[in-house]
Amino acid sequence: MDFCKQFNAQTQSMEKGMPIPVVITTYADRSFTFELRTPPVSHFLKKAAKLESGSKAPGRDVAGSVTKAQVREIAEQKMKDLNCDSIESAMRM
């Protein structure tokens, strides 16, 4: 119950329905800590392309497109979770 209360308090300013990965560490005395991560890139790509879901036939049908500027924005948002040194390498990932 404590986790739910703390999680809801930290995520109340975020968009409703956004997937948020969480890393939870529990200790022997039943205490815990958790770290919120940024949403997956697929969520940002669908949002940038204004899509509800991906292509029904991946590799054959194109569901949408994003600009290089949008990819840069996504890379800047994900930079703290990625193992990269520069924005350009994050954009390639």
PDB file of N, CA and C in Angstrom:
ATOM      1  N   MET A   1       0.825  -1.196   0.000  1.00  0.00           N
ATOM      2  CA  MET A   1       0.000   0.000   0.000  1.00  0.00           C
ATOM      3  C   MET A   1       0.866   1.256   0.000  1.00  0.00           C
ATOM      4  N   ASP A   2       1.996   1.203   0.722  1.00  0.00           N
ATOM      5  CA  ASP A   2       2.883   2.360   0.754  1.00  0.00           C
ATOM      6  C   ASP A   2       3.440   2.661  -0.631  1.00  0.00           C
ATOM      7  N   PHE A   3       3.783   1.593  -1.370  1.00  0.00           N
ATOM      8  CA  PHE A   3       4.313   1.793  -2.721  1.00  0.00           C
ATOM      9  C   PHE A   3       3.285   2.509  -3.588  1.00  0.00           C
ATOM     10  N   CYS A   4       2.040   2.078  -3.541  1.00  0.00           N
ATOM     11  CA  CYS A   4       0.990   2.688  -4.364  1.00  0.00           C
ATOM     12  C   CYS A   4       0.837   4.170  -4.054  1.00  0.00           C
ATOM     13  N   LYS A   5       0.840   4.512  -2.784  1.00  0.00           N
ATOM     14  CA  LYS A   5       0.695   5.913  -2.395  1.00  0.00           C
ATOM     15  C   LYS A   5       1.865   6.750  -2.879  1.00  0.00           C
ATOM     16  N   GLN A   6       3.099   6.260  -2.697  1.00  0.00           N
ATOM     17  CA  GLN A   6       4.279   7.006  -3.124  1.00  0.00           C
ATOM     18  C   GLN A   6       4.354   7.101  -4.647  1.00  0.00           C
ATOM     19  N   PHE A   7       4.029   6.003  -5.329  1.00  0.00           N
ATOM     20  CA  PHE A   7       4.050   5.985  -6.795  1.00  0.00           C
ATOM     21  C   PHE A   7       3.031   6.980  -7.345  1.00  0.00           C
ATOM     22  N   ASN A   8       1.819   6.964  -6.828  1.00  0.00           N
ATOM     23  CA  ASN A   8       0.780   7.886  -7.290  1.00  0.00           C
ATOM     24  C   ASN A   8       1.162   9.334  -7.024  1.00  0.00           C
ATOM     25  N   ALA A   9       1.811   9.592  -5.893  1.00  0.00           N
ATOM     26  CA  ALA A   9       2.226  10.955  -5.572  1.00  0.00           C
ATOM     27  C   ALA A   9       3.289  11.449  -6.558  1.00  0.00           C
ATOM     28  N   GLN A  10       4.219  10.587  -6.940  1.00  0.00           N
ATOM     29  CA  GLN A  10       5.283  11.001  -7.854  1.00  0.00           C
ATOM     30  C   GLN A  10       4.831  11.091  -9.301  1.00  0.00           C
ATOM     31  N   THR A  11       3.787  10.364  -9.673  1.00  0.00           N
ATOM     32  CA  THR A  11       3.360  10.341 -11.070  1.00  0.00           C
ATOM     33  C   THR A  11       2.104  11.156 -11.343  1.00  0.00           C
ATOM     34  N   GLN A  12       1.575  11.873 -10.383  1.00  0.00           N
ATOM     35  CA  GLN A  12       0.332  12.589 -10.597  1.00  0.00           C
ATOM     36  C   GLN A  12       0.472  13.719 -11.621  1.00  0.00           C
ATOM     37  N   SER A  13       1.677  14.245 -11.833  1.00  0.00           N
ATOM     38  CA  SER A  13       1.852  15.308 -12.813  1.00  0.00           C
ATOM     39  C   SER A  13       2.086  14.771 -14.224  1.00  0.00           C
ATOM     40  N   MET A  14       2.227  13.463 -14.373  1.00  0.00           N
ATOM     41  CA  MET A  14       2.473  12.859 -15.686  1.00  0.00           C
ATOM     42  C   MET A  14       1.160  12.580 -16.406  1.00  0.00           C
ATOM     43  N   GLU A  15       1.277  12.394 -17.712  1.00  0.00           N
ATOM     44  CA  GLU A  15       0.118  12.112 -18.555  1.00  0.00           C
ATOM     45  C   GLU A  15      -0.552  10.797 -18.143  1.00  0.00           C
ATOM     46  N   LYS A  16      -1.853  10.798 -18.085  1.00  0.00           N
ATOM     47  CA  LYS A  16      -2.609   9.595 -17.725  1.00  0.00           C
ATOM     48  C   LYS A  16      -2.464   8.533 -18.807  1.00  0.00           C
ATOM     49  N   GLY A  17      -2.243   7.280 -18.403  1.00  0.00           N
ATOM     50  CA  GLY A  17      -2.130   6.174 -19.338  1.00  0.00           C
ATOM     51  C   GLY A  17      -0.740   5.959 -19.906  1.00  0.00           C
ATOM     52  N   MET A  18       0.211   6.806 -19.550  1.00  0.00           N
ATOM     53  CA  MET A  18       1.579   6.663 -20.052  1.00  0.00           C
ATOM     54  C   MET A  18       2.269   5.508 -19.327  1.00  0.00           C
ATOM     55  N   PRO A  19       2.895   4.595 -20.074  1.00  0.00           N
ATOM     56  CA  PRO A  19       3.611   3.500 -19.405  1.00  0.00           C
ATOM     57  C   PRO A  19       4.877   4.037 -18.737  1.00  0.00           C
ATOM     58  N   ILE A  20       5.072   3.699 -17.474  1.00  0.00           N
ATOM     59  CA  ILE A  20       6.225   4.192 -16.723  1.00  0.00           C
ATOM     60  C   ILE A  20       6.964   3.001 -16.126  1.00  0.00           C
ATOM     61  N   PRO A  21       8.129   2.665 -16.675  1.00  0.00           N
ATOM     62  CA  PRO A  21       8.926   1.588 -16.073  1.00  0.00           C
ATOM     63  C   PRO A  21       9.431   2.008 -14.691  1.00  0.00           C
ATOM     64  N   VAL A  22       9.459   1.050 -13.780  1.00  0.00           N
ATOM     65  CA  VAL A  22       9.894   1.318 -12.404  1.00  0.00           C
ATOM     66  C   VAL A  22      10.878   0.235 -11.983  1.00  0.00           C
ATOM     67  N   VAL A  23      11.964   0.652 -11.332  1.00  0.00           N
ATOM     68  CA  VAL A  23      12.921  -0.289 -10.755  1.00  0.00           C
ATOM     69  C   VAL A  23      12.717  -0.242  -9.243  1.00  0.00           C
ATOM     70  N   ILE A  24      12.268  -1.368  -8.680  1.00  0.00           N
ATOM     71  CA  ILE A  24      11.982  -1.444  -7.245  1.00  0.00           C
ATOM     72  C   ILE A  24      13.070  -2.263  -6.566  1.00  0.00           C
ATOM     73  N   THR A  25      13.605  -1.728  -5.471  1.00  0.00           N
ATOM     74  CA  THR A  25      14.594  -2.446  -4.669  1.00  0.00           C
ATOM     75  C   THR A  25      13.987  -2.677  -3.290  1.00  0.00           C
ATOM     76  N   THR A  26      13.894  -3.939  -2.890  1.00  0.00           N
ATOM     77  CA  THR A  26      13.366  -4.251  -1.562  1.00  0.00           C
ATOM     78  C   THR A  26      14.500  -4.719  -0.662  1.00  0.00           C
ATOM     79  N   TYR A  27      14.364  -4.438   0.614  1.00  0.00           N
ATOM     80  CA  TYR A  27      15.391  -4.775   1.593  1.00  0.00           C
ATOM     81  C   TYR A  27      14.843  -5.792   2.592  1.00  0.00           C
ATOM     82  N   ALA A  28      15.732  -6.402   3.367  1.00  0.00           N
ATOM     83  CA  ALA A  28      15.358  -7.454   4.314  1.00  0.00           C
ATOM     84  C   ALA A  28      14.380  -6.952   5.379  1.00  0.00           C
ATOM     85  N   ASP A  29      14.466  -5.686   5.733  1.00  0.00           N
ATOM     86  CA  ASP A  29      13.559  -5.151   6.762  1.00  0.00           C
ATOM     87  C   ASP A  29      12.209  -4.715   6.184  1.00  0.00           C
ATOM     88  N   ARG A  30      11.899  -5.185   4.972  1.00  0.00           N
ATOM     89  CA  ARG A  30      10.641  -4.937   4.269  1.00  0.00           C
ATOM     90  C   ARG A  30      10.474  -3.489   3.808  1.00  0.00           C
ATOM     91  N   SER A  31      11.539  -2.713   3.848  1.00  0.00           N
ATOM     92  CA  SER A  31      11.483  -1.371   3.287  1.00  0.00           C
ATOM     93  C   SER A  31      11.814  -1.466   1.798  1.00  0.00           C
ATOM     94  N   PHE A  32      11.609  -0.405   1.073  1.00  0.00           N
ATOM     95  CA  PHE A  32      11.856  -0.427  -0.368  1.00  0.00           C
ATOM     96  C   PHE A  32      12.223   0.966  -0.855  1.00  0.00           C
ATOM     97  N   THR A  33      12.827   0.991  -2.015  1.00  0.00           N
ATOM     98  CA  THR A  33      13.042   2.229  -2.763  1.00  0.00           C
ATOM     99  C   THR A  33      12.647   1.931  -4.205  1.00  0.00           C
ATOM    100  N   PHE A  34      12.265   2.956  -4.918  1.00  0.00           N
ATOM    101  CA  PHE A  34      11.949   2.748  -6.327  1.00  0.00           C
ATOM    102  C   PHE A  34      12.407   3.950  -7.137  1.00  0.00           C
ATOM    103  N   GLU A  35      12.731   3.660  -8.391  1.00  0.00           N
ATOM    104  CA  GLU A  35      13.228   4.675  -9.310  1.00  0.00           C
ATOM    105  C   GLU A  35      12.356   4.646 -10.557  1.00  0.00           C
ATOM    106  N   LEU A  36      11.805   5.795 -10.910  1.00  0.00           N
ATOM    107  CA  LEU A  36      10.984   5.900 -12.114  1.00  0.00           C
ATOM    108  C   LEU A  36      11.886   6.117 -13.318  1.00  0.00           C
ATOM    109  N   ARG A  37      11.588   5.450 -14.402  1.00  0.00           N
ATOM    110  CA  ARG A  37      12.320   5.617 -15.654  1.00  0.00           C
ATOM    111  C   ARG A  37      11.425   6.371 -16.628  1.00  0.00           C
ATOM    112  N   THR A  38      11.994   6.774 -17.744  1.00  0.00           N
ATOM    113  CA  THR A  38      11.183   7.435 -18.773  1.00  0.00           C
ATOM    114  C   THR A  38      10.418   6.381 -19.566  1.00  0.00           C
ATOM    115  N   PRO A  39       9.290   6.755 -20.158  1.00  0.00           N
ATOM    116  CA  PRO A  39       8.505   5.795 -20.934  1.00  0.00           C
ATOM    117  C   PRO A  39       9.311   5.218 -22.090  1.00  0.00           C
ATOM    118  N   PRO A  40       8.902   4.063 -22.622  1.00  0.00           N
ATOM    119  CA  PRO A  40       9.608   3.448 -23.747  1.00  0.00           C
ATOM    120  C   PRO A  40       9.584   4.345 -24.994  1.00  0.00           C
ATOM    121  N   VAL A  41      10.570   4.171 -25.840  1.00  0.00           N
ATOM    122  CA  VAL A  41      10.666   4.960 -27.073  1.00  0.00           C
ATOM    123  C   VAL A  41       9.443   4.721 -27.949  1.00  0.00           C
ATOM    124  N   SER A  42       8.924   3.511 -27.954  1.00  0.00           N
ATOM    125  CA  SER A  42       7.752   3.213 -28.794  1.00  0.00           C
ATOM    126  C   SER A  42       6.572   4.116 -28.425  1.00  0.00           C
ATOM    127  N   HIS A  43       6.428   4.429 -27.151  1.00  0.00           N
ATOM    128  CA  HIS A  43       5.347   5.329 -26.720  1.00  0.00           C
ATOM    129  C   HIS A  43       5.557   6.723 -27.316  1.00  0.00           C
ATOM    130  N   PHE A  44       6.792   7.231 -27.244  1.00  0.00           N
ATOM    131  CA  PHE A  44       7.090   8.551 -27.793  1.00  0.00           C
ATOM    132  C   PHE A  44       6.928   8.584 -29.308  1.00  0.00           C
ATOM    133  N   LEU A  45       7.340   7.501 -29.996  1.00  0.00           N
ATOM    134  CA  LEU A  45       7.214   7.448 -31.446  1.00  0.00           C
ATOM    135  C   LEU A  45       5.744   7.433 -31.880  1.00  0.00           C
ATOM    136  N   LYS A  46       4.929   6.644 -31.205  1.00  0.00           N
ATOM    137  CA  LYS A  46       3.493   6.616 -31.542  1.00  0.00           C
ATOM    138  C   LYS A  46       2.856   7.972 -31.290  1.00  0.00           C
ATOM    139  N   LYS A  47       3.269   8.641 -30.226  1.00  0.00           N
ATOM    140  CA  LYS A  47       2.726   9.948 -29.905  1.00  0.00           C
ATOM    141  C   LYS A  47       3.161  10.987 -30.944  1.00  0.00           C
ATOM    142  N   ALA A  48       4.437  10.945 -31.363  1.00  0.00           N
ATOM    143  CA  ALA A  48       4.948  11.889 -32.353  1.00  0.00           C
ATOM    144  C   ALA A  48       4.295  11.685 -33.711  1.00  0.00           C
ATOM    145  N   ALA A  49       4.041  10.429 -34.086  1.00  0.00           N
ATOM    146  CA  ALA A  49       3.419  10.117 -35.384  1.00  0.00           C
ATOM    147  C   ALA A  49       1.899  10.169 -35.317  1.00  0.00           C
ATOM    148  N   LYS A  50       1.359  10.451 -34.125  1.00  0.00           N
ATOM    149  CA  LYS A  50      -0.097  10.519 -33.911  1.00  0.00           C
ATOM    150  C   LYS A  50      -0.785   9.218 -34.297  1.00  0.00           C
ATOM    151  N   LEU A  51      -0.257   8.103 -33.751  1.00  0.00           N
ATOM    152  CA  LEU A  51      -0.797   6.779 -34.033  1.00  0.00           C
ATOM    153  C   LEU A  51      -1.410   6.169 -32.784  1.00  0.00           C
ATOM    154  N   GLU A  52      -2.397   5.316 -32.976  1.00  0.00           N
ATOM    155  CA  GLU A  52      -2.970   4.546 -31.878  1.00  0.00           C
ATOM    156  C   GLU A  52      -2.207   3.238 -31.679  1.00  0.00           C
ATOM    157  N   SER A  53      -1.757   2.626 -32.787  1.00  0.00           N
ATOM    158  CA  SER A  53      -0.998   1.375 -32.716  1.00  0.00           C
ATOM    159  C   SER A  53      -0.014   1.335 -33.874  1.00  0.00           C
ATOM    160  N   GLY A  54       0.876   0.369 -33.837  1.00  0.00           N
ATOM    161  CA  GLY A  54       1.877   0.226 -34.889  1.00  0.00           C
ATOM    162  C   GLY A  54       1.297  -0.391 -36.146  1.00  0.00           C
ATOM    163  N   SER A  55       2.162  -0.685 -37.098  1.00  0.00           N
ATOM    164  CA  SER A  55       1.760  -1.276 -38.366  1.00  0.00           C
ATOM    165  C   SER A  55       1.228  -2.688 -38.147  1.00  0.00           C
ATOM    166  N   LYS A  56       0.207  -3.061 -38.896  1.00  0.00           N
ATOM    167  CA  LYS A  56      -0.353  -4.414 -38.807  1.00  0.00           C
ATOM    168  C   LYS A  56       0.541  -5.422 -39.505  1.00  0.00           C
ATOM    169  N   ALA A  57       1.360  -4.957 -40.468  1.00  0.00           N
ATOM    170  CA  ALA A  57       2.296  -5.828 -41.188  1.00  0.00           C
ATOM    171  C   ALA A  57       3.675  -5.164 -41.174  1.00  0.00           C
ATOM    172  N   PRO A  58       4.428  -5.304 -40.072  1.00  0.00           N
ATOM    173  CA  PRO A  58       5.735  -4.654 -39.973  1.00  0.00           C
ATOM    174  C   PRO A  58       6.667  -5.085 -41.096  1.00  0.00           C
ATOM    175  N   GLY A  59       7.390  -4.134 -41.664  1.00  0.00           N
ATOM    176  CA  GLY A  59       8.291  -4.429 -42.758  1.00  0.00           C
ATOM    177  C   GLY A  59       7.648  -4.264 -44.121  1.00  0.00           C
ATOM    178  N   ARG A  60       6.327  -4.275 -44.175  1.00  0.00           N
ATOM    179  CA  ARG A  60       5.613  -4.133 -45.442  1.00  0.00           C
ATOM    180  C   ARG A  60       4.799  -2.854 -45.494  1.00  0.00           C
ATOM    181  N   ASP A  61       4.039  -2.585 -44.440  1.00  0.00           N
ATOM    182  CA  ASP A  61       3.181  -1.406 -44.395  1.00  0.00           C
ATOM    183  C   ASP A  61       3.800  -0.351 -43.484  1.00  0.00           C
ATOM    184  N   VAL A  62       3.700   0.899 -43.922  1.00  0.00           N
ATOM    185  CA  VAL A  62       4.186   2.022 -43.125  1.00  0.00           C
ATOM    186  C   VAL A  62       2.999   2.589 -42.356  1.00  0.00           C
ATOM    187  N   ALA A  63       3.134   2.680 -41.040  1.00  0.00           N
ATOM    188  CA  ALA A  63       2.040   3.174 -40.214  1.00  0.00           C
ATOM    189  C   ALA A  63       2.084   4.688 -40.070  1.00  0.00           C
ATOM    190  N   GLY A  64       3.270   5.268 -40.113  1.00  0.00           N
ATOM    191  CA  GLY A  64       3.422   6.701 -39.951  1.00  0.00           C
ATOM    192  C   GLY A  64       4.867   7.094 -40.123  1.00  0.00           C
ATOM    193  N   SER A  65       5.154   8.374 -39.904  1.00  0.00           N
ATOM    194  CA  SER A  65       6.528   8.843 -40.016  1.00  0.00           C
ATOM    195  C   SER A  65       6.770   9.945 -38.998  1.00  0.00           C
ATOM    196  N   VAL A  66       8.042  10.124 -38.653  1.00  0.00           N
ATOM    197  CA  VAL A  66       8.452  11.186 -37.736  1.00  0.00           C
ATOM    198  C   VAL A  66       9.618  11.933 -38.380  1.00  0.00           C
ATOM    199  N   THR A  67       9.752  13.192 -38.007  1.00  0.00           N
ATOM    200  CA  THR A  67      10.832  14.000 -38.549  1.00  0.00           C
ATOM    201  C   THR A  67      12.092  13.830 -37.710  1.00  0.00           C
ATOM    202  N   LYS A  68      13.199  14.291 -38.247  1.00  0.00           N
ATOM    203  CA  LYS A  68      14.464  14.209 -37.520  1.00  0.00           C
ATOM    204  C   LYS A  68      14.406  15.075 -36.262  1.00  0.00           C
ATOM    205  N   ALA A  69      13.692  16.183 -36.324  1.00  0.00           N
ATOM    206  CA  ALA A  69      13.541  17.051 -35.153  1.00  0.00           C
ATOM    207  C   ALA A  69      12.774  16.333 -34.039  1.00  0.00           C
ATOM    208  N   GLN A  70      11.756  15.551 -34.419  1.00  0.00           N
ATOM    209  CA  GLN A  70      11.003  14.794 -33.422  1.00  0.00           C
ATOM    210  C   GLN A  70      11.863  13.706 -32.804  1.00  0.00           C
ATOM    211  N   VAL A  71      12.710  13.057 -33.622  1.00  0.00           N
ATOM    212  CA  VAL A  71      13.616  12.028 -33.106  1.00  0.00           C
ATOM    213  C   VAL A  71      14.604  12.657 -32.128  1.00  0.00           C
ATOM    214  N   ARG A  72      15.083  13.871 -32.419  1.00  0.00           N
ATOM    215  CA  ARG A  72      16.000  14.572 -31.511  1.00  0.00           C
ATOM    216  C   ARG A  72      15.306  14.861 -30.176  1.00  0.00           C
ATOM    217  N   GLU A  73      14.049  15.315 -30.232  1.00  0.00           N
ATOM    218  CA  GLU A  73      13.284  15.581 -29.003  1.00  0.00           C
ATOM    219  C   GLU A  73      13.161  14.325 -28.146  1.00  0.00           C
ATOM    220  N   ILE A  74      12.836  13.215 -28.785  1.00  0.00           N
ATOM    221  CA  ILE A  74      12.684  11.941 -28.077  1.00  0.00           C
ATOM    222  C   ILE A  74      14.016  11.528 -27.465  1.00  0.00           C
ATOM    223  N   ALA A  75      15.101  11.675 -28.213  1.00  0.00           N
ATOM    224  CA  ALA A  75      16.432  11.318 -27.705  1.00  0.00           C
ATOM    225  C   ALA A  75      16.809  12.178 -26.507  1.00  0.00           C
ATOM    226  N   GLU A  76      16.452  13.454 -26.535  1.00  0.00           N
ATOM    227  CA  GLU A  76      16.754  14.337 -25.409  1.00  0.00           C
ATOM    228  C   GLU A  76      15.977  13.916 -24.163  1.00  0.00           C
ATOM    229  N   GLN A  77      14.726  13.495 -24.348  1.00  0.00           N
ATOM    230  CA  GLN A  77      13.924  13.044 -23.206  1.00  0.00           C
ATOM    231  C   GLN A  77      14.449  11.737 -22.632  1.00  0.00           C
ATOM    232  N   LYS A  78      14.923  10.828 -23.484  1.00  0.00           N
ATOM    233  CA  LYS A  78      15.388   9.507 -23.052  1.00  0.00           C
ATOM    234  C   LYS A  78      16.863   9.488 -22.642  1.00  0.00           C
ATOM    235  N   MET A  79      17.577  10.581 -22.797  1.00  0.00           N
ATOM    236  CA  MET A  79      19.023  10.612 -22.599  1.00  0.00           C
ATOM    237  C   MET A  79      19.449  10.097 -21.226  1.00  0.00           C
ATOM    238  N   LYS A  80      18.706  10.397 -20.178  1.00  0.00           N
ATOM    239  CA  LYS A  80      19.126   9.970 -18.838  1.00  0.00           C
ATOM    240  C   LYS A  80      19.039   8.454 -18.650  1.00  0.00           C
ATOM    241  N   ASP A  81      18.222   7.766 -19.451  1.00  0.00           N
ATOM    242  CA  ASP A  81      18.093   6.311 -19.350  1.00  0.00           C
ATOM    243  C   ASP A  81      18.972   5.557 -20.347  1.00  0.00           C
ATOM    244  N   LEU A  82      19.544   6.264 -21.305  1.00  0.00           N
ATOM    245  CA  LEU A  82      20.333   5.604 -22.344  1.00  0.00           C
ATOM    246  C   LEU A  82      21.817   5.577 -21.974  1.00  0.00           C
ATOM    247  N   ASN A  83      22.529   4.660 -22.587  1.00  0.00           N
ATOM    248  CA  ASN A  83      23.960   4.517 -22.380  1.00  0.00           C
ATOM    249  C   ASN A  83      24.687   5.176 -23.549  1.00  0.00           C
ATOM    250  N   CYS A  84      24.566   6.508 -23.656  1.00  0.00           N
ATOM    251  CA  CYS A  84      25.132   7.253 -24.777  1.00  0.00           C
ATOM    252  C   CYS A  84      25.892   8.466 -24.256  1.00  0.00           C
ATOM    253  N   ASP A  85      26.798   8.950 -25.107  1.00  0.00           N
ATOM    254  CA  ASP A  85      27.557  10.144 -24.754  1.00  0.00           C
ATOM    255  C   ASP A  85      27.015  11.401 -25.420  1.00  0.00           C
ATOM    256  N   SER A  86      26.348  11.245 -26.556  1.00  0.00           N
ATOM    257  CA  SER A  86      25.878  12.416 -27.293  1.00  0.00           C
ATOM    258  C   SER A  86      24.442  12.201 -27.778  1.00  0.00           C
ATOM    259  N   ILE A  87      23.816  13.310 -28.133  1.00  0.00           N
ATOM    260  CA  ILE A  87      22.448  13.263 -28.659  1.00  0.00           C
ATOM    261  C   ILE A  87      22.415  12.503 -29.984  1.00  0.00           C
ATOM    262  N   GLU A  88      23.443  12.687 -30.817  1.00  0.00           N
ATOM    263  CA  GLU A  88      23.472  12.015 -32.116  1.00  0.00           C
ATOM    264  C   GLU A  88      23.488  10.496 -31.954  1.00  0.00           C
ATOM    265  N   SER A  89      24.276   9.993 -30.997  1.00  0.00           N
ATOM    266  CA  SER A  89      24.303   8.545 -30.783  1.00  0.00           C
ATOM    267  C   SER A  89      22.971   8.062 -30.195  1.00  0.00           C
ATOM    268  N   ALA A  90      22.345   8.890 -29.370  1.00  0.00           N
ATOM    269  CA  ALA A  90      21.023   8.535 -28.832  1.00  0.00           C
ATOM    270  C   ALA A  90      19.987   8.513 -29.955  1.00  0.00           C
ATOM    271  N   MET A  91      20.101   9.408 -30.907  1.00  0.00           N
ATOM    272  CA  MET A  91      19.168   9.417 -32.034  1.00  0.00           C
ATOM    273  C   MET A  91      19.340   8.158 -32.882  1.00  0.00           C
ATOM    274  N   ARG A  92      20.565   7.683 -33.051  1.00  0.00           N
ATOM    275  CA  ARG A  92      20.791   6.464 -33.831  1.00  0.00           C
ATOM    276  C   ARG A  92      20.232   5.241 -33.110  1.00  0.00           C
ATOM    277  N   MET A  93      20.262   5.252 -31.787  1.00  0.00           N
ATOM    278  CA  MET A  93      19.707   4.124 -31.031  1.00  0.00           C
ATOM    279  C   MET A  93      18.224   4.042 -31.268  1.00  0.00           C
TER     280      MET A  93
END
